[in-house]
Amino acid sequence: MTTIPNLISLNDACTLTSLSRTAINNFRSEGKFPEAVALSDRRIAFVRSEVVAWIDGRIAARAQKAVSR
């Protein structure tokens, strides 16, 4: 059985991360945010689990930084 990824909009990604659209787009242009899925010529989405993993990575980096101090 194939699991269908849960796609979220850019606005939902903003809500999940507490980042603005501009901040997310800056991270995307630097290759530091999960890649968007093109749904049409003018519509993109993100795989929710990838955005959550990105958030988890930021939390882990914070914890690692605290340990190395």
N, C-alpha and C. Protein backbone atom coordinates (compact mmCIF):
# COMPACT_ATOMS: atom_id res chain seq x y z
N MET A 1 0.85 -1.18 0.00
CA MET A 1 0.00 0.00 0.00
C MET A 1 0.89 1.24 0.00
N THR A 2 0.63 2.16 -0.90
CA THR A 2 1.42 3.38 -1.02
C THR A 2 0.83 4.47 -0.13
N THR A 3 1.71 5.14 0.60
CA THR A 3 1.29 6.26 1.43
C THR A 3 1.38 7.54 0.61
N ILE A 4 0.33 8.30 0.59
CA ILE A 4 0.31 9.56 -0.14
C ILE A 4 0.85 10.66 0.77
N PRO A 5 1.90 11.38 0.31
CA PRO A 5 2.44 12.45 1.15
C PRO A 5 1.40 13.54 1.39
N ASN A 6 1.45 14.11 2.56
CA ASN A 6 0.55 15.19 2.92
C ASN A 6 1.19 16.49 2.47
N LEU A 7 0.59 17.16 1.49
CA LEU A 7 1.13 18.41 0.98
C LEU A 7 0.50 19.59 1.71
N ILE A 8 1.34 20.63 1.93
CA ILE A 8 0.85 21.84 2.59
C ILE A 8 1.23 23.06 1.75
N SER A 9 0.47 24.10 1.87
CA SER A 9 0.73 25.33 1.12
C SER A 9 1.88 26.10 1.75
N LEU A 10 2.35 27.11 1.03
CA LEU A 10 3.38 27.99 1.55
C LEU A 10 2.88 28.67 2.82
N ASN A 11 1.63 29.09 2.83
CA ASN A 11 1.07 29.72 4.03
C ASN A 11 1.07 28.75 5.22
N ASP A 12 0.75 27.49 4.96
CA ASP A 12 0.78 26.50 6.04
C ASP A 12 2.21 26.26 6.52
N ALA A 13 3.18 26.27 5.59
CA ALA A 13 4.59 26.14 5.97
C ALA A 13 5.00 27.33 6.84
N CYS A 14 4.50 28.51 6.53
CA CYS A 14 4.77 29.69 7.35
C CYS A 14 4.21 29.50 8.75
N THR A 15 3.02 28.99 8.84
CA THR A 15 2.39 28.76 10.15
C THR A 15 3.18 27.72 10.95
N LEU A 16 3.56 26.63 10.31
CA LEU A 16 4.31 25.57 11.01
C LEU A 16 5.65 26.06 11.52
N THR A 17 6.33 26.89 10.74
CA THR A 17 7.68 27.31 11.09
C THR A 17 7.74 28.64 11.83
N SER A 18 6.67 29.39 11.84
CA SER A 18 6.62 30.76 12.37
C SER A 18 7.53 31.70 11.58
N LEU A 19 7.76 31.37 10.32
CA LEU A 19 8.55 32.22 9.43
C LEU A 19 7.64 32.91 8.43
N SER A 20 8.10 34.04 7.92
CA SER A 20 7.37 34.75 6.88
C SER A 20 7.59 34.06 5.53
N ARG A 21 6.76 34.41 4.57
CA ARG A 21 6.93 33.89 3.21
C ARG A 21 8.30 34.29 2.67
N THR A 22 8.70 35.53 2.95
CA THR A 22 10.00 36.02 2.48
C THR A 22 11.14 35.21 3.08
N ALA A 23 11.07 34.93 4.37
CA ALA A 23 12.13 34.15 5.03
C ALA A 23 12.21 32.75 4.44
N ILE A 24 11.06 32.12 4.24
CA ILE A 24 11.06 30.77 3.65
C ILE A 24 11.62 30.82 2.25
N ASN A 25 11.22 31.80 1.47
CA ASN A 25 11.74 31.89 0.10
C ASN A 25 13.24 32.18 0.09
N ASN A 26 13.73 32.93 1.05
CA ASN A 26 15.18 33.15 1.16
C ASN A 26 15.89 31.84 1.48
N PHE A 27 15.37 31.08 2.44
CA PHE A 27 15.94 29.77 2.77
C PHE A 27 15.90 28.86 1.54
N ARG A 28 14.80 28.90 0.80
CA ARG A 28 14.68 28.06 -0.40
C ARG A 28 15.73 28.43 -1.43
N SER A 29 15.95 29.73 -1.64
CA SER A 29 16.92 30.16 -2.65
C SER A 29 18.34 29.77 -2.26
N GLU A 30 18.59 29.60 -0.97
CA GLU A 30 19.90 29.18 -0.47
C GLU A 30 20.01 27.65 -0.38
N GLY A 31 18.93 26.94 -0.72
CA GLY A 31 18.93 25.48 -0.63
C GLY A 31 18.86 24.98 0.79
N LYS A 32 18.32 25.80 1.70
CA LYS A 32 18.28 25.46 3.13
C LYS A 32 16.87 25.17 3.64
N PHE A 33 15.96 24.88 2.73
CA PHE A 33 14.57 24.56 3.10
C PHE A 33 14.11 23.46 2.16
N PRO A 34 13.20 22.60 2.60
CA PRO A 34 12.74 21.52 1.73
C PRO A 34 12.25 22.04 0.37
N GLU A 35 12.54 21.28 -0.64
CA GLU A 35 12.17 21.67 -2.00
C GLU A 35 10.65 21.64 -2.18
N ALA A 36 10.16 22.63 -2.90
CA ALA A 36 8.72 22.71 -3.17
C ALA A 36 8.33 21.72 -4.26
N VAL A 37 7.07 21.32 -4.24
CA VAL A 37 6.49 20.46 -5.27
C VAL A 37 5.64 21.37 -6.16
N ALA A 38 5.95 21.41 -7.43
CA ALA A 38 5.17 22.22 -8.37
C ALA A 38 3.86 21.51 -8.68
N LEU A 39 2.76 22.16 -8.35
CA LEU A 39 1.45 21.58 -8.62
C LEU A 39 0.88 22.08 -9.93
N SER A 40 1.25 23.30 -10.29
CA SER A 40 0.87 23.90 -11.57
C SER A 40 1.87 25.01 -11.86
N ASP A 41 1.63 25.78 -12.89
CA ASP A 41 2.54 26.87 -13.23
C ASP A 41 2.63 27.92 -12.12
N ARG A 42 1.57 28.07 -11.35
CA ARG A 42 1.54 29.12 -10.34
C ARG A 42 1.29 28.64 -8.92
N ARG A 43 1.34 27.34 -8.72
CA ARG A 43 1.02 26.80 -7.40
C ARG A 43 2.08 25.80 -6.96
N ILE A 44 2.57 25.99 -5.73
CA ILE A 44 3.53 25.05 -5.15
C ILE A 44 2.99 24.55 -3.82
N ALA A 45 3.59 23.48 -3.36
CA ALA A 45 3.26 22.94 -2.04
C ALA A 45 4.53 22.32 -1.48
N PHE A 46 4.48 21.98 -0.22
CA PHE A 46 5.60 21.32 0.45
C PHE A 46 5.10 20.02 1.06
N VAL A 47 6.00 19.05 1.15
CA VAL A 47 5.67 17.80 1.82
C VAL A 47 5.75 18.08 3.32
N ARG A 48 4.63 17.91 3.99
CA ARG A 48 4.55 18.26 5.42
C ARG A 48 5.63 17.57 6.24
N SER A 49 5.87 16.29 6.01
CA SER A 49 6.86 15.56 6.80
C SER A 49 8.26 16.13 6.59
N GLU A 50 8.56 16.64 5.40
CA GLU A 50 9.87 17.25 5.15
C GLU A 50 10.02 18.57 5.91
N VAL A 51 8.95 19.35 5.97
CA VAL A 51 8.99 20.61 6.72
C VAL A 51 9.14 20.31 8.21
N VAL A 52 8.41 19.32 8.71
CA VAL A 52 8.52 18.94 10.12
C VAL A 52 9.93 18.44 10.42
N ALA A 53 10.51 17.66 9.51
CA ALA A 53 11.89 17.19 9.69
C ALA A 53 12.86 18.36 9.71
N TRP A 54 12.62 19.37 8.87
CA TRP A 54 13.47 20.57 8.86
C TRP A 54 13.39 21.28 10.21
N ILE A 55 12.18 21.40 10.75
CA ILE A 55 11.99 22.02 12.08
C ILE A 55 12.73 21.20 13.13
N ASP A 56 12.56 19.88 13.09
CA ASP A 56 13.25 19.00 14.04
C ASP A 56 14.77 19.16 13.94
N GLY A 57 15.27 19.34 12.73
CA GLY A 57 16.69 19.55 12.54
C GLY A 57 17.18 20.84 13.18
N ARG A 58 16.37 21.88 13.08
CA ARG A 58 16.71 23.17 13.71
C ARG A 58 16.74 23.01 15.24
N ILE A 59 15.79 22.26 15.77
CA ILE A 59 15.76 22.03 17.22
C ILE A 59 16.97 21.21 17.65
N ALA A 60 17.31 20.18 16.87
CA ALA A 60 18.47 19.35 17.19
C ALA A 60 19.76 20.16 17.13
N ALA A 61 19.86 21.06 16.15
CA ALA A 61 21.06 21.90 16.03
C ALA A 61 21.18 22.82 17.24
N ARG A 62 20.07 23.30 17.73
CA ARG A 62 20.07 24.15 18.92
C ARG A 62 20.57 23.35 20.12
N ALA A 63 20.08 22.13 20.26
CA ALA A 63 20.48 21.27 21.37
C ALA A 63 21.97 20.93 21.27
N GLN A 64 22.44 20.64 20.05
CA GLN A 64 23.85 20.32 19.84
C GLN A 64 24.74 21.52 20.17
N LYS A 65 24.29 22.69 19.80
CA LYS A 65 25.03 23.92 20.07
C LYS A 65 25.17 24.13 21.58
N ALA A 66 24.09 23.84 22.32
CA ALA A 66 24.10 24.01 23.78
C ALA A 66 25.06 23.01 24.43
N VAL A 67 25.16 21.79 23.89
CA VAL A 67 26.03 20.77 24.44
C VAL A 67 27.50 21.13 24.21
N SER A 68 27.80 21.73 23.06
CA SER A 68 29.18 22.04 22.73
C SER A 68 29.72 23.29 23.42
N ARG A 69 28.90 23.99 24.14
CA ARG A 69 29.35 25.21 24.83
C ARG A 69 30.13 24.89 26.05
